[in-house]
């Protein structure tokens, strides 16, 4: 894979760097992407698990890139709403994210994402409605 955000070489935004974003693979024709995140101790809540806001950010950062990959960077999503279900605690280390485009219209996309630990245990899932815009 190129050093960039996607096979197209688009650079990673700072938020992706903060989350430890790592492209595993992408299937643009299917609107799917697989990403690893690397949450660290700076993201922990008092219980010693990754704080929910970071978990939601990881989910957002796996759903949106599915659309970007599908359009080879010609379109990017702006999240209008997101529904998150926290299924199990997220711990520091490697977390696998799977994002997909459920439906894409001219101006709106419906997206879905899931986070798993390395053993394949579901940690969190989300759905999102996004406005489709041109990149900056």
Protein backbone atom coordinates (compact mmCIF):
# COMPACT_ATOMS: atom_id res chain seq x y z
CA UNK A 1 0.00 0.00 0.00
CA UNK A 2 1.21 3.56 -0.59
CA UNK A 3 2.11 5.74 2.36
CA UNK A 4 -1.08 7.77 1.91
CA UNK A 5 -4.55 7.40 3.35
CA UNK A 6 -5.82 5.19 0.51
CA UNK A 7 -4.46 3.48 -2.58
CA UNK A 8 -4.91 6.87 -4.26
CA UNK A 9 -2.21 8.32 -1.97
CA UNK A 10 -4.52 10.87 -0.29
CA UNK A 11 -2.69 12.10 2.86
CA UNK A 12 -3.93 11.12 6.31
CA UNK A 13 -5.63 13.86 8.30
CA UNK A 14 -4.31 14.63 11.83
CA UNK A 15 -7.29 12.89 13.49
CA UNK A 16 -6.36 9.62 11.77
CA UNK A 17 -2.82 9.94 13.10
CA UNK A 18 -4.17 10.50 16.63
CA UNK A 19 -6.24 7.30 16.40
CA UNK A 20 -3.31 5.30 15.02
CA UNK A 21 -5.10 4.73 11.68
CA UNK A 22 -3.63 1.89 9.59
CA UNK A 23 -5.12 0.83 6.25
CA UNK A 24 -5.44 -2.96 6.08
CA UNK A 25 -7.34 -3.28 2.79
CA UNK A 26 -10.12 -1.76 0.74
CA UNK A 27 -12.67 -2.96 -1.77
CA UNK A 28 -13.80 0.25 -3.55
CA UNK A 29 -16.19 -1.49 -5.93
CA UNK A 30 -18.05 -2.91 -2.90
CA UNK A 31 -17.78 0.25 -0.78
CA UNK A 32 -15.88 -1.58 1.96
CA UNK A 33 -12.70 -0.83 3.87
CA UNK A 34 -10.78 -2.45 6.72
CA UNK A 35 -8.66 -0.34 9.03
CA UNK A 36 -6.69 -0.99 12.20
CA UNK A 37 -6.62 1.58 15.00
CA UNK A 38 -4.08 1.69 17.79
CA UNK A 39 -5.69 3.32 20.85
CA UNK A 40 -3.17 4.16 23.55
CA UNK A 41 -3.13 4.98 27.26
CA UNK A 42 -3.86 8.68 26.58
CA UNK A 43 -7.35 7.61 25.43
CA UNK A 44 -8.31 5.79 28.64
CA UNK A 45 -11.14 6.68 31.01
CA UNK A 46 -10.88 6.15 34.81
CA UNK A 47 -11.94 2.47 34.38
CA UNK A 48 -8.88 1.82 32.21
CA UNK A 49 -10.83 1.30 28.98
CA UNK A 50 -10.85 3.50 25.88
CA UNK A 51 -13.21 6.45 26.45
CA UNK A 52 -16.42 6.29 24.40
CA UNK A 53 -15.69 9.46 22.45
CA UNK A 54 -12.54 7.88 21.02
CA UNK A 55 -14.48 4.71 20.20
CA UNK A 56 -17.07 6.82 18.34
CA UNK A 57 -14.26 8.65 16.54
CA UNK A 58 -12.79 5.33 15.39
CA UNK A 59 -16.19 4.26 14.08
CA UNK A 60 -16.62 7.58 12.27
CA UNK A 61 -13.11 7.20 10.84
CA UNK A 62 -13.89 3.75 9.43
CA UNK A 63 -17.31 4.60 7.94
CA UNK A 64 -16.29 7.80 6.13
CA UNK A 65 -13.23 6.30 4.47
CA UNK A 66 -15.42 3.54 2.98
CA UNK A 67 -17.13 6.25 0.89
CA UNK A 68 -13.82 7.97 0.09
CA UNK A 69 -12.37 4.64 -1.10
CA UNK A 70 -15.51 3.89 -3.14
CA UNK A 71 -15.17 7.21 -5.00
CA UNK A 72 -11.35 7.22 -5.11
CA UNK A 73 -11.36 10.48 -3.17
CA UNK A 74 -13.75 12.32 -5.50
CA UNK A 75 -16.40 12.52 -2.75
CA UNK A 76 -16.10 12.78 1.01
CA UNK A 77 -18.76 12.42 3.70
CA UNK A 78 -19.87 14.99 6.24
CA UNK A 79 -21.52 13.15 9.12
CA UNK A 80 -25.06 14.37 9.75
CA UNK A 81 -25.94 11.79 12.40
CA UNK A 82 -24.36 8.76 13.97
CA UNK A 83 -25.81 6.06 16.21
CA UNK A 84 -23.26 4.11 18.26
CA UNK A 85 -23.74 0.87 20.20
CA UNK A 86 -20.99 0.08 22.70
CA UNK A 87 -20.95 -3.72 22.95
CA UNK A 88 -17.77 -4.51 24.92
CA UNK A 89 -14.93 -2.48 26.46
CA UNK A 90 -12.22 -1.33 24.07
CA UNK A 91 -8.71 -1.77 25.43
CA UNK A 92 -5.44 -0.17 24.29
CA UNK A 93 -3.76 -2.08 21.48
CA UNK A 94 -4.85 -3.02 17.99
CA UNK A 95 -8.53 -2.64 17.09
CA UNK A 96 -9.88 -3.73 13.70
CA UNK A 97 -12.48 -1.51 12.03
CA UNK A 98 -14.70 -2.57 9.16
CA UNK A 99 -16.64 0.12 7.32
CA UNK A 100 -19.07 -0.07 4.42
CA UNK A 101 -21.34 2.03 2.30
CA UNK A 102 -24.86 0.67 2.69
CA UNK A 103 -26.46 3.03 0.17
CA UNK A 104 -25.17 6.00 -1.81
CA UNK A 105 -27.30 8.58 -3.51
CA UNK A 106 -26.35 11.85 -5.21
CA UNK A 107 -26.16 13.88 -1.97
CA UNK A 108 -26.55 11.39 0.89
CA UNK A 109 -24.88 8.15 1.94
CA UNK A 110 -25.83 5.60 4.58
CA UNK A 111 -22.80 4.04 6.24
CA UNK A 112 -22.11 1.27 8.73
CA UNK A 113 -19.05 0.42 10.82
CA UNK A 114 -17.91 -2.13 13.36
CA UNK A 115 -14.91 -2.45 15.66
CA UNK A 116 -13.44 -5.81 16.70
CA UNK A 117 -10.59 -6.91 18.92
CA UNK A 118 -7.89 -9.08 17.37
CA UNK A 119 -9.77 -12.22 18.39
CA UNK A 120 -12.78 -11.11 16.34
CA UNK A 121 -14.96 -10.08 19.31
CA UNK A 122 -17.38 -7.27 18.40
CA UNK A 123 -16.61 -4.19 20.50
CA UNK A 124 -18.84 -1.49 19.00
CA UNK A 125 -20.94 -0.77 15.94
CA UNK A 126 -22.43 2.33 14.37
CA UNK A 127 -24.61 3.58 11.58
CA UNK A 128 -24.36 7.00 10.03
CA UNK A 129 -26.09 9.29 7.60
CA UNK A 130 -23.65 11.53 5.72
CA UNK A 131 -23.94 14.37 3.26
CA UNK A 132 -21.72 13.82 0.22
CA UNK A 133 -19.45 16.73 -0.67
CA UNK A 134 -16.40 17.42 -2.83
CA UNK A 135 -13.04 17.25 -1.04
CA UNK A 136 -11.23 20.48 -0.17
